[in-house]
Amino acid sequence: LHVVLGVNEEAHARPGEHWTTESLAKEAGMSRHTFGRRFTRLVGQSPIDYLIDLRMQVAAERLRAGDPVARVAEAAGYLSERAFREVFRRRFGVPPLRYSKA
């Protein structure tokens, strides 16, 4: 439990890092399979789904604060602004720019 929660804290501290289930498992000192199974059981989501939600939460806060979409996409760990816009739209139902002006 503590190991999974510790990795979860790392993801919260650095949401823009290029995390994978494998890299999170390595941080926890577990196999990818074991980590994924334990994380999902404890948190209720797969590590990657949780990380996407976390990144979108951080992105929404930064957009509301007035940060430009390109900077928010990069801070949220997206190499492509287009990919970020697509994920953001799916999550919130509106494009990031419209969200920031609402």
Protein backbone atom coordinates (compact mmCIF):
# COMPACT_ATOMS: atom_id res chain seq x y z
CA LEU A 1 0.00 0.00 0.00
CA HIS A 2 2.67 2.52 1.02
CA VAL A 3 4.75 1.80 -2.06
CA VAL A 4 1.81 2.37 -4.42
CA LEU A 5 0.82 5.54 -2.58
CA GLY A 6 4.42 6.79 -2.69
CA VAL A 7 4.50 6.37 -6.45
CA ASN A 8 1.15 8.12 -6.64
CA GLU A 9 2.71 11.07 -4.77
CA GLU A 10 5.57 11.12 -7.31
CA ALA A 11 3.06 11.31 -10.15
CA HIS A 12 1.29 14.20 -8.40
CA ALA A 13 4.58 16.01 -7.84
CA ARG A 14 5.61 15.60 -11.50
CA PRO A 15 2.46 15.08 -13.59
CA GLY A 16 4.17 16.26 -16.77
CA GLU A 17 6.88 13.62 -16.63
CA HIS A 18 6.65 10.95 -19.32
CA TRP A 19 5.35 8.26 -16.96
CA THR A 20 4.47 4.80 -18.17
CA THR A 21 3.12 1.90 -16.15
CA GLU A 22 6.57 0.40 -16.46
CA SER A 23 8.36 3.50 -15.13
CA LEU A 24 5.88 3.84 -12.25
CA ALA A 25 6.36 0.15 -11.44
CA LYS A 26 10.12 0.64 -11.46
CA GLU A 27 9.73 3.52 -8.96
CA ALA A 28 7.72 1.12 -6.78
CA GLY A 29 10.23 -1.70 -7.18
CA MET A 30 7.60 -4.01 -8.66
CA SER A 31 6.93 -5.73 -11.94
CA ARG A 32 4.68 -3.85 -14.33
CA HIS A 33 1.95 -6.46 -13.94
CA THR A 34 2.03 -6.52 -10.13
CA PHE A 35 2.11 -2.74 -9.88
CA GLY A 36 -0.75 -2.29 -12.34
CA ARG A 37 -2.90 -4.84 -10.54
CA ARG A 38 -2.22 -3.38 -7.07
CA PHE A 39 -2.64 0.21 -8.20
CA THR A 40 -5.95 -0.56 -9.89
CA ARG A 41 -7.21 -2.43 -6.83
CA LEU A 42 -6.25 0.40 -4.45
CA VAL A 43 -7.10 3.43 -6.59
CA GLY A 44 -9.94 2.08 -8.73
CA GLN A 45 -8.32 3.01 -12.06
CA SER A 46 -5.36 1.79 -14.06
CA PRO A 47 -2.17 3.80 -13.50
CA ILE A 48 -2.37 5.37 -16.96
CA ASP A 49 -6.07 6.30 -16.69
CA TYR A 50 -5.35 7.85 -13.31
CA LEU A 51 -2.41 9.78 -14.73
CA ILE A 52 -4.49 11.10 -17.64
CA ASP A 53 -7.13 12.31 -15.18
CA LEU A 54 -4.44 13.93 -13.04
CA ARG A 55 -2.90 15.67 -16.05
CA MET A 56 -6.28 16.95 -17.21
CA GLN A 57 -7.02 18.26 -13.72
CA VAL A 58 -3.70 20.14 -13.67
CA ALA A 59 -4.31 21.41 -17.21
CA ALA A 60 -7.77 22.71 -16.33
CA GLU A 61 -6.37 24.63 -13.35
CA ARG A 62 -3.61 26.18 -15.47
CA LEU A 63 -6.01 27.12 -18.25
CA ARG A 64 -8.28 28.83 -15.72
CA ALA A 65 -5.22 30.72 -14.46
CA GLY A 66 -4.69 32.08 -17.99
CA ASP A 67 -1.72 29.99 -19.15
CA PRO A 68 -1.48 29.54 -22.94
CA VAL A 69 -2.68 26.19 -24.32
CA ALA A 70 0.76 25.28 -25.71
CA ARG A 71 2.43 25.81 -22.33
CA VAL A 72 -0.32 23.88 -20.53
CA ALA A 73 0.00 20.97 -22.97
CA GLU A 74 3.75 20.79 -22.37
CA ALA A 75 3.37 21.04 -18.59
CA ALA A 76 0.80 18.23 -18.71
CA GLY A 77 3.32 15.97 -20.41
CA TYR A 78 2.07 16.13 -23.98
CA LEU A 79 4.62 16.38 -26.78
CA SER A 80 1.89 17.32 -29.22
CA GLU A 81 -0.51 20.19 -28.61
CA ARG A 82 -2.95 18.47 -30.97
CA ALA A 83 -2.95 15.28 -28.88
CA PHE A 84 -3.48 17.35 -25.75
CA ARG A 85 -6.42 19.20 -27.32
CA GLU A 86 -8.06 15.90 -28.33
CA VAL A 87 -7.72 14.36 -24.86
CA PHE A 88 -8.86 17.57 -23.18
CA ARG A 89 -11.94 17.83 -25.42
CA ARG A 90 -12.88 14.20 -24.69
CA ARG A 91 -12.50 14.79 -20.94
CA PHE A 92 -14.27 18.17 -20.65
CA GLY A 93 -16.47 18.30 -23.76
CA VAL A 94 -14.95 21.56 -25.02
CA PRO A 95 -11.57 22.53 -26.49
CA PRO A 96 -8.97 23.93 -24.08
CA LEU A 97 -9.18 27.50 -25.42
CA ARG A 98 -12.95 27.65 -24.99
CA TYR A 99 -12.59 26.12 -21.51
CA SER A 100 -10.10 28.80 -20.53
CA LYS A 101 -12.51 31.57 -21.56
CA ALA A 102 -15.57 30.12 -19.79
